[in-house]
Amino acid sequence: MKSLLLRHGRIIDPANKRDGKGDLAIANGKIVESLPKGEEFEEIDCRGLVIAPGLIDLHVHLREPGQSAKETIATGARAAAAGGFTTVVGMPNTSPAVDNPSVVTWIKEKADREACVNIFITGAITKGIAGEELSPIGSMARAGIVALTDDGHCVQNHELMRRALEYARMFQLPVLDHCQDYGLVGKGVMHEGHWSTLLGLPGWPSAGEELIVMRNILLAELCQTPIHCQHLTAAGSVRLLREARGRGVPISGEVCPHHIALTDESLQGFDTNFKMNPPLRAEADVEALIQGIADGTVTILASDHAPHCAYEKEVEFDMAPFGIVGLETELGLFLDILVHKRKAIDLPRLIALLTVEPANLLRLDRGTLSAGAPADVTVIDPDKEWKVDAGRFQSRSANTPFHGWELKGRAVRTIVAGKTVWAEG
């Protein structure tokens, strides 16, 4: 493997509180202080660009095993690379679910063969993600999972969730939770409010999320096991999280780009590409999410990349599956909205939310440009203007509401273990 020297870029490494002009050297798949003398290397000019640790997305649906018509580990990895992500964390709601060590091993071996980025794996909290019986958490931990989650579903039995947290603590695994109270949400397909009434669609109240966030705060405090609330959407959830974190409760939360880029008003055309779980909320919720990101209440950003076949979305709104693809638009949307337009956070903080913060939650040896660390690097042009073209996605699916959007900022080179796996053009 040829050594690399990234020259004259702005190096932003939040893990080491570094932000300044400089060069970054890579040799033998690792970050190094300097290249060995006399060794052949490739030089890459990064003037006007940002050199950042490889971006991490801890909420991705890779669909394998069992749903390869939507996405495969290989195509999902290529989509991640095209979006600037060197590491993704796969959710367990596959067919079969990732609820035993044999499925964990199958995914790891397939990822080693076919993925161009790092793939980490989560295990299901309950068998079959059915919410009734705990999965074999210890054996999955030994097989290599990095967290537990029933994402796509939510454990409704609070006693069962408590026991899961107690087991997770034994193996130093965080628990990621899809916050949805089934009784309150019912058959809701969009945010309950003005537009659900006007459109005649079943409403999904914010309280259906907030109740589980509150439950998770109480259980995290009781068990002292870290709980991470996935894809938060409601102003009340941010308020609850802020108060709990202020008291030192081991609770955290993430926000996805579509929940700050869009509101429930977007659904008036009944376009199923705007149907997601949890749903797009009102403008007041968007403002609360952005404030939560700005003041440090929300510590992680993620995509909830959820590919679906075109024919699955081409049905009545009530019948369509929830979810959109997000890996290839995520960074551009966050840069455009949070850094350029809203100026809610600066570029170093955005990079921290996509690198060191998820790495710390999951105890990964990633998200840093320290000497000796794996040479996972994302080169970003924060001012590049570009148009989203779903027809050019690397993902196997193209279910996005952002086709044709003009964004400012994107990744231009993705390096994994010292090898360029994607570069613009």
Protein backbone atom coordinates (compact mmCIF):
# COMPACT_ATOMS: atom_id res chain seq x y z
CA MET A 1 0.00 0.00 0.00
CA LYS A 2 1.45 3.35 -1.07
CA SER A 3 1.83 5.95 1.67
CA LEU A 4 -0.22 9.15 1.45
CA LEU A 5 0.56 12.75 2.32
CA LEU A 6 -2.43 15.08 2.50
CA ARG A 7 -0.96 18.58 2.06
CA HIS A 8 -2.01 22.11 2.98
CA GLY A 9 -5.47 21.29 4.37
CA ARG A 10 -7.34 22.54 7.41
CA ILE A 11 -6.99 19.65 9.85
CA ILE A 12 -9.95 19.40 12.24
CA ASP A 13 -9.58 16.65 14.84
CA PRO A 14 -12.02 17.28 17.72
CA ALA A 15 -10.73 14.26 19.66
CA ASN A 16 -7.41 16.07 20.06
CA LYS A 17 -8.83 19.61 20.00
CA ARG A 18 -6.87 20.31 16.84
CA ASP A 19 -7.95 22.86 14.25
CA GLY A 20 -5.35 24.39 11.97
CA LYS A 21 -3.54 24.25 8.65
CA GLY A 22 -1.16 21.37 8.15
CA ASP A 23 -0.25 18.08 6.49
CA LEU A 24 -1.41 14.58 7.42
CA ALA A 25 0.80 11.57 6.79
CA ILE A 26 -0.46 8.00 6.32
CA ALA A 27 1.67 4.85 6.13
CA ASN A 28 0.77 1.16 6.40
CA GLY A 29 -2.88 2.00 7.00
CA LYS A 30 -2.12 4.15 10.06
CA ILE A 31 -1.83 7.84 10.85
CA VAL A 32 1.86 8.67 11.39
CA GLU A 33 3.78 11.70 12.59
CA SER A 34 5.83 11.75 9.37
CA LEU A 35 6.56 9.49 6.43
CA PRO A 36 9.69 7.31 6.51
CA LYS A 37 12.56 8.91 4.61
CA GLY A 38 13.06 7.67 1.07
CA GLU A 39 9.68 5.95 0.92
CA GLU A 40 7.51 6.45 -2.16
CA PHE A 41 4.23 8.23 -1.43
CA GLU A 42 1.24 9.83 -3.12
CA GLU A 43 0.73 13.51 -2.44
CA ILE A 44 -2.80 14.95 -2.38
CA ASP A 45 -3.30 18.71 -2.45
CA CYS A 46 -5.99 19.68 0.07
CA ARG A 47 -5.85 23.47 -0.26
CA GLY A 48 -9.23 24.93 0.64
CA LEU A 49 -10.37 21.57 2.02
CA VAL A 50 -10.92 20.13 5.49
CA ILE A 51 -9.07 16.98 6.59
CA ALA A 52 -11.21 15.26 9.22
CA PRO A 53 -11.30 11.90 10.97
CA GLY A 54 -13.36 9.38 9.04
CA LEU A 55 -17.04 10.09 9.65
CA ILE A 56 -19.11 7.56 11.64
CA ASP A 57 -22.82 6.84 11.18
CA LEU A 58 -24.18 4.75 14.05
CA HIS A 59 -27.66 4.26 12.59
CA VAL A 60 -27.74 2.46 9.23
CA HIS A 61 -29.95 -0.27 7.79
CA LEU A 62 -27.82 -2.44 5.51
CA ARG A 63 -30.70 -4.91 4.96
CA GLU A 64 -28.58 -8.05 4.74
CA PRO A 65 -29.28 -10.82 5.43
CA GLY A 66 -32.65 -11.35 3.78
CA GLN A 67 -33.52 -8.01 2.16
CA SER A 68 -30.85 -7.63 -0.51
CA ALA A 69 -33.32 -6.24 -3.08
CA LYS A 70 -33.30 -3.04 -0.99
CA GLU A 71 -29.60 -2.90 -0.12
CA THR A 72 -26.60 -5.13 0.38
CA ILE A 73 -23.61 -4.76 2.64
CA ALA A 74 -21.51 -3.95 -0.44
CA THR A 75 -23.86 -1.30 -1.89
CA GLY A 76 -24.53 0.21 1.53
CA ALA A 77 -20.79 0.48 2.10
CA ARG A 78 -20.33 2.21 -1.26
CA ALA A 79 -23.12 4.65 -0.39
CA ALA A 80 -21.39 5.36 2.91
CA ALA A 81 -18.07 6.00 1.16
CA ALA A 82 -19.75 8.35 -1.33
CA GLY A 83 -21.22 10.26 1.60
CA GLY A 84 -17.87 10.58 3.37
CA PHE A 85 -18.45 7.87 5.98
CA THR A 86 -15.64 5.45 6.78
CA THR A 87 -17.55 3.60 9.51
CA VAL A 88 -21.21 2.59 9.73
CA VAL A 89 -23.12 0.67 12.37
CA GLY A 90 -25.73 -1.76 11.06
CA MET A 91 -29.12 -2.20 12.69
CA PRO A 92 -30.36 -5.72 13.53
CA ASN A 93 -33.85 -5.69 11.96
CA THR A 94 -32.83 -7.96 9.09
CA SER A 95 -34.31 -11.33 8.01
CA PRO A 96 -33.42 -13.20 10.15
CA ALA A 97 -32.84 -10.62 12.85
CA VAL A 98 -29.38 -10.22 14.36
CA ASP A 99 -30.42 -11.94 17.58
CA ASN A 100 -27.78 -14.66 17.91
CA PRO A 101 -24.01 -15.00 17.42
CA SER A 102 -24.25 -16.96 14.17
CA VAL A 103 -25.92 -14.05 12.36
CA VAL A 104 -23.35 -11.66 13.83
CA THR A 105 -20.55 -13.84 12.49
CA TRP A 106 -22.20 -14.14 9.05
CA ILE A 107 -22.44 -10.35 8.71
CA LYS A 108 -18.88 -9.79 9.94
CA GLU A 109 -17.45 -12.28 7.45
CA LYS A 110 -19.49 -10.86 4.56
CA ALA A 111 -18.48 -7.32 5.47
CA ASP A 112 -14.81 -8.32 5.60
CA ARG A 113 -15.12 -9.70 2.06
CA GLU A 114 -17.33 -7.10 0.40
CA ALA A 115 -17.45 -3.79 2.27
CA CYS A 116 -15.17 -0.88 1.37
CA VAL A 117 -15.79 0.81 4.75
CA ASN A 118 -15.75 -0.41 8.35
CA ILE A 119 -18.95 -2.21 9.35
CA PHE A 120 -19.84 -2.61 13.01
CA ILE A 121 -22.84 -4.62 14.15
CA THR A 122 -25.58 -4.18 16.73
CA GLY A 123 -27.51 -7.07 18.27
CA ALA A 124 -31.23 -7.23 18.93
CA ILE A 125 -32.37 -6.68 22.50
CA THR A 126 -35.07 -9.34 22.10
CA LYS A 127 -35.39 -12.50 20.06
CA GLY A 128 -36.83 -11.76 16.64
CA ILE A 129 -37.13 -8.11 17.73
CA ALA A 130 -40.48 -9.21 19.10
CA GLY A 131 -40.14 -7.54 22.49
CA GLU A 132 -40.95 -10.70 24.45
CA GLU A 133 -37.76 -12.57 25.36
CA LEU A 134 -34.18 -11.38 25.72
CA SER A 135 -31.65 -12.35 23.07
CA PRO A 136 -28.45 -14.16 24.16
CA ILE A 137 -26.67 -10.90 24.94
CA GLY A 138 -23.47 -12.43 26.32
CA SER A 139 -22.79 -14.67 23.34
CA MET A 140 -23.52 -11.84 20.90
CA ALA A 141 -21.11 -9.63 22.84
CA ARG A 142 -18.42 -12.28 22.47
CA ALA A 143 -19.22 -12.48 18.74
CA GLY A 144 -18.46 -8.78 18.42
CA ILE A 145 -21.57 -6.58 18.61
CA VAL A 146 -20.98 -2.97 19.73
CA ALA A 147 -24.47 -2.16 21.06
CA LEU A 148 -27.97 -3.50 21.61
CA THR A 149 -31.13 -2.22 19.93
CA ASP A 150 -34.51 -3.37 18.66
CA ASP A 151 -34.50 -0.49 16.17
CA GLY A 152 -37.59 -0.45 14.01
CA HIS A 153 -39.41 -1.64 17.12
CA CYS A 154 -39.47 -0.59 20.75
CA VAL A 155 -39.53 -2.83 23.82
CA GLN A 156 -42.86 -2.01 25.50
CA ASN A 157 -42.33 -4.17 28.60
CA HIS A 158 -40.46 -1.96 31.08
CA GLU A 159 -39.38 -4.91 33.25
CA LEU A 160 -37.86 -6.64 30.21
CA MET A 161 -36.08 -3.43 29.24
CA ARG A 162 -34.67 -3.13 32.76
CA ARG A 163 -33.25 -6.67 32.60
CA ALA A 164 -31.76 -5.92 29.18
CA LEU A 165 -29.99 -2.89 30.63
CA GLU A 166 -28.61 -4.92 33.52
CA TYR A 167 -27.18 -7.51 31.13
CA ALA A 168 -25.85 -4.80 28.82
CA ARG A 169 -23.97 -3.21 31.72
CA MET A 170 -22.22 -6.52 32.42
CA PHE A 171 -20.78 -6.50 28.90
CA GLN A 172 -20.22 -2.72 28.70
CA LEU A 173 -22.69 -2.37 25.84
CA PRO A 174 -24.77 0.79 25.33
CA VAL A 175 -28.45 0.33 24.47
CA LEU A 176 -29.87 2.25 21.51
CA ASP A 177 -33.64 2.70 21.67
CA HIS A 178 -36.29 3.46 19.09
CA CYS A 179 -38.64 5.54 21.24
CA GLN A 180 -42.23 4.66 20.35
CA ASP A 181 -45.16 3.92 22.66
CA TYR A 182 -47.37 1.62 20.58
CA GLY A 183 -50.52 2.37 22.55
CA LEU A 184 -50.32 6.11 21.92
CA VAL A 185 -49.03 5.92 18.36
CA GLY A 186 -51.57 3.33 17.22
CA LYS A 187 -51.84 3.31 13.42
CA GLY A 188 -50.40 6.79 13.01
CA VAL A 189 -48.51 7.49 9.80
CA MET A 190 -47.64 11.20 10.24
CA HIS A 191 -47.32 13.81 12.95
CA GLU A 192 -50.58 14.47 14.76
CA GLY A 193 -51.47 18.10 14.18
CA HIS A 194 -52.85 20.58 11.67
CA TRP A 195 -51.68 18.74 8.58
CA SER A 196 -52.78 15.25 9.65
CA THR A 197 -56.26 16.66 10.24
CA LEU A 198 -56.28 18.46 6.90
CA LEU A 199 -54.96 15.45 4.97
CA GLY A 200 -57.14 12.90 6.74
CA LEU A 201 -54.19 10.71 7.72
CA PRO A 202 -53.91 8.91 11.08
CA GLY A 203 -51.92 11.07 13.50
CA TRP A 204 -48.80 10.11 15.47
CA PRO A 205 -48.59 12.29 18.60
CA SER A 206 -45.27 13.57 19.91
CA ALA A 207 -46.16 12.08 23.29
CA GLY A 208 -45.73 8.65 21.71
CA GLU A 209 -42.00 9.39 21.58
CA GLU A 210 -41.70 11.48 24.72
CA LEU A 211 -43.18 8.78 26.98
CA ILE A 212 -40.44 6.30 26.03
CA VAL A 213 -37.72 8.95 26.34
CA MET A 214 -38.98 9.55 29.87
CA ARG A 215 -39.00 5.79 30.53
CA ASN A 216 -35.44 5.52 29.28
CA ILE A 217 -34.26 8.34 31.52
CA LEU A 218 -35.71 6.61 34.58
CA LEU A 219 -34.20 3.24 33.66
CA ALA A 220 -30.79 4.67 32.73
CA GLU A 221 -30.68 6.38 36.11
CA LEU A 222 -31.78 3.21 37.91
CA CYS A 223 -29.45 0.79 36.12
CA GLN A 224 -26.57 3.19 35.32
CA THR A 225 -26.43 1.74 31.81
CA PRO A 226 -26.01 4.23 28.93
CA ILE A 227 -29.15 4.54 26.80
CA HIS A 228 -29.03 6.35 23.49
CA CYS A 229 -32.38 7.61 22.16
CA GLN A 230 -32.45 7.21 18.40
CA HIS A 231 -33.80 9.67 15.80
CA LEU A 232 -35.40 12.18 18.18
CA THR A 233 -38.09 14.40 16.65
CA ALA A 234 -40.11 16.08 19.40
CA ALA A 235 -39.48 19.29 21.34
CA GLY A 236 -40.55 17.52 24.53
CA SER A 237 -37.91 14.83 24.00
CA VAL A 238 -35.19 17.47 23.80
CA ARG A 239 -36.48 19.15 26.95
CA LEU A 240 -36.49 15.85 28.87
CA LEU A 241 -33.03 14.94 27.63
CA ARG A 242 -31.60 18.33 28.58
CA GLU A 243 -32.89 18.08 32.15
CA ALA A 244 -31.68 14.49 32.62
CA ARG A 245 -28.21 15.09 31.20
CA GLY A 246 -27.91 18.11 33.47
CA ARG A 247 -28.33 15.73 36.42
CA GLY A 248 -25.70 13.33 35.10
CA VAL A 249 -28.03 10.58 33.87
CA PRO A 250 -26.23 8.36 31.28
CA ILE A 251 -28.68 9.23 28.50
CA SER A 252 -27.97 10.63 25.04
CA GLY A 253 -29.80 11.31 21.81
CA GLU A 254 -29.35 11.70 18.09
CA VAL A 255 -31.00 13.74 15.34
CA CYS A 256 -31.33 12.83 11.65
CA PRO A 257 -31.07 15.36 8.80
CA HIS A 258 -34.61 14.90 7.49
CA HIS A 259 -36.07 15.87 10.87
CA ILE A 260 -34.46 19.32 10.69
CA ALA A 261 -34.72 19.80 6.92
CA LEU A 262 -38.47 19.08 6.59
CA THR A 263 -41.75 19.46 8.46
CA ASP A 264 -45.10 17.69 8.33
CA GLU A 265 -46.27 20.29 5.83
CA SER A 266 -44.15 18.42 3.25
CA LEU A 267 -46.68 15.56 3.24
CA GLN A 268 -49.47 17.53 1.60
CA GLY A 269 -48.60 15.97 -1.76
CA PHE A 270 -48.94 12.42 -0.29
CA ASP A 271 -45.43 11.60 -1.57
CA THR A 272 -44.39 8.43 0.28
CA ASN A 273 -40.73 9.49 0.16
CA PHE A 274 -41.68 11.85 2.99
CA LYS A 275 -43.03 9.00 5.15
CA MET A 276 -40.66 8.11 7.97
CA ASN A 277 -40.59 6.59 11.42
CA PRO A 278 -40.66 8.64 13.56
CA PRO A 279 -42.50 11.15 11.38
CA LEU A 280 -41.66 14.67 10.26
CA ARG A 281 -42.89 17.06 12.94
CA ALA A 282 -43.99 20.70 13.17
CA GLU A 283 -41.77 23.76 12.80
CA ALA A 284 -41.62 24.23 16.59
CA ASP A 285 -40.13 20.74 16.92
CA VAL A 286 -37.52 21.50 14.25
CA GLU A 287 -36.50 24.63 16.14
CA ALA A 288 -36.19 22.65 19.38
CA LEU A 289 -34.04 19.98 17.70
CA ILE A 290 -31.67 22.59 16.27
CA GLN A 291 -31.45 24.32 19.65
CA GLY A 292 -30.71 20.95 21.26
CA ILE A 293 -27.85 20.41 18.83
CA ALA A 294 -26.55 23.93 19.40
CA ASP A 295 -26.52 23.75 23.20
CA GLY A 296 -25.03 20.24 23.43
CA THR A 297 -28.16 18.39 24.54
CA VAL A 298 -28.01 16.33 21.34
CA THR A 299 -24.52 14.85 21.00
CA ILE A 300 -24.71 12.65 17.90
CA LEU A 301 -25.97 13.02 14.33
CA ALA A 302 -26.96 10.04 12.19
CA SER A 303 -28.82 9.17 8.98
CA ASP A 304 -31.22 6.31 9.81
CA HIS A 305 -30.43 5.19 6.25
CA ALA A 306 -33.46 3.02 5.39
CA PRO A 307 -33.53 1.83 1.77
CA HIS A 308 -36.68 0.45 0.14
CA CYS A 309 -37.47 -0.82 -3.36
CA ALA A 310 -39.24 1.66 -5.63
CA TYR A 311 -42.34 -0.54 -5.96
CA GLU A 312 -42.73 -0.64 -2.17
CA LYS A 313 -43.07 3.14 -2.03
CA GLU A 314 -45.37 3.35 -5.08
CA VAL A 315 -48.54 2.56 -3.11
CA GLU A 316 -51.11 4.45 -1.06
CA PHE A 317 -49.53 6.54 1.71
CA ASP A 318 -50.99 4.41 4.51
CA MET A 319 -49.58 1.23 2.96
CA ALA A 320 -46.04 2.41 2.16
CA PRO A 321 -43.11 1.45 4.37
CA PHE A 322 -41.45 4.07 6.55
CA GLY A 323 -37.96 5.34 5.79
CA ILE A 324 -35.59 7.04 3.34
CA VAL A 325 -32.00 6.59 2.21
CA GLY A 326 -29.63 9.04 3.82
CA LEU A 327 -25.95 8.17 3.68
CA GLU A 328 -25.20 10.16 0.52
CA THR A 329 -27.10 13.32 1.51
CA GLU A 330 -26.47 13.37 5.28
CA LEU A 331 -23.27 15.39 5.45
CA GLY A 332 -24.45 17.87 2.80
CA LEU A 333 -27.73 18.51 4.62
CA PHE A 334 -26.08 18.97 8.01
CA LEU A 335 -23.44 21.31 6.57
CA ASP A 336 -26.00 23.30 4.60
CA ILE A 337 -28.55 23.64 7.41
CA LEU A 338 -26.57 23.69 10.66
CA VAL A 339 -23.33 25.40 9.59
CA HIS A 340 -24.17 27.61 6.60
CA LYS A 341 -27.83 28.63 6.85
CA ARG A 342 -28.71 28.44 10.53
CA LYS A 343 -25.18 28.91 11.90
CA ALA A 344 -26.29 26.80 14.88
CA ILE A 345 -22.85 25.18 15.26
CA ASP A 346 -19.43 25.60 13.71
CA LEU A 347 -17.61 23.12 11.51
CA PRO A 348 -15.44 21.57 14.26
CA ARG A 349 -18.53 20.85 16.36
CA LEU A 350 -20.32 19.27 13.38
CA ILE A 351 -17.33 17.00 12.79
CA ALA A 352 -17.27 16.06 16.49
CA LEU A 353 -20.95 15.05 16.31
CA LEU A 354 -20.07 12.71 13.43
CA THR A 355 -16.77 11.32 14.75
CA VAL A 356 -15.54 11.36 18.33
CA GLU A 357 -19.01 11.47 19.92
CA PRO A 358 -20.35 8.25 18.33
CA ALA A 359 -16.91 6.62 18.76
CA ASN A 360 -16.98 7.36 22.49
CA LEU A 361 -20.54 6.06 22.92
CA LEU A 362 -19.72 2.76 21.20
CA ARG A 363 -16.12 2.47 22.49
CA LEU A 364 -14.68 2.37 18.97
CA ASP A 365 -11.02 3.00 18.17
CA ARG A 366 -12.10 5.46 15.47
CA GLY A 367 -12.97 9.13 15.10
CA THR A 368 -9.47 10.51 15.66
CA LEU A 369 -6.38 11.53 13.70
CA SER A 370 -3.99 10.61 16.52
CA ALA A 371 -0.69 9.05 15.48
CA GLY A 372 -1.09 5.27 15.43
CA ALA A 373 -4.86 5.38 14.84
CA PRO A 374 -6.40 3.62 11.82
CA ALA A 375 -6.01 5.89 8.80
CA ASP A 376 -9.72 6.57 8.28
CA VAL A 377 -9.99 10.09 6.87
CA THR A 378 -12.70 12.19 5.25
CA VAL A 379 -11.69 15.14 3.11
CA ILE A 380 -14.46 17.74 2.96
CA ASP A 381 -15.11 20.77 0.79
CA PRO A 382 -17.38 22.74 3.12
CA ASP A 383 -18.26 25.31 0.47
CA LYS A 384 -18.86 23.08 -2.54
CA GLU A 385 -22.29 23.64 -4.08
CA TRP A 386 -23.93 20.57 -5.59
CA LYS A 387 -27.31 19.14 -6.54
CA VAL A 388 -28.68 15.88 -5.18
CA ASP A 389 -29.24 13.37 -8.01
CA ALA A 390 -30.90 10.16 -6.81
CA GLY A 391 -30.11 8.56 -10.17
CA ARG A 392 -26.42 8.63 -9.29
CA PHE A 393 -26.67 7.16 -5.81
CA GLN A 394 -24.35 4.29 -4.94
CA SER A 395 -27.11 2.81 -2.78
CA ARG A 396 -29.26 0.11 -4.36
CA SER A 397 -32.34 2.21 -3.50
CA ALA A 398 -33.24 5.82 -4.25
CA ASN A 399 -36.15 6.58 -1.91
CA THR A 400 -35.27 10.16 -1.01
CA PRO A 401 -37.27 13.37 -0.66
CA PHE A 402 -34.15 15.40 -1.45
CA HIS A 403 -33.75 14.69 -5.18
CA GLY A 404 -32.99 17.99 -6.92
CA TRP A 405 -32.08 19.85 -3.73
CA GLU A 406 -29.10 22.20 -3.98
CA LEU A 407 -26.75 21.88 -1.02
CA LYS A 408 -23.53 23.52 0.12
CA GLY A 409 -20.75 21.29 1.39
CA ARG A 410 -19.85 17.65 0.79
CA ALA A 411 -17.12 15.05 1.13
CA VAL A 412 -14.71 14.89 -1.80
CA ARG A 413 -12.48 11.98 -0.72
CA THR A 414 -13.00 9.03 1.62
CA ILE A 415 -9.98 7.09 2.90
CA VAL A 416 -10.28 3.81 4.84
CA ALA A 417 -7.18 2.22 6.38
CA GLY A 418 -5.00 4.38 4.15
CA LYS A 419 -6.77 3.50 0.91
CA THR A 420 -8.95 5.91 -1.06
CA VAL A 421 -12.29 4.13 -1.43
CA TRP A 422 -14.16 7.06 -2.99
CA ALA A 423 -13.15 10.35 -4.56
CA GLU A 424 -15.23 12.95 -6.33
CA GLY A 425 -15.25 12.30 -10.05
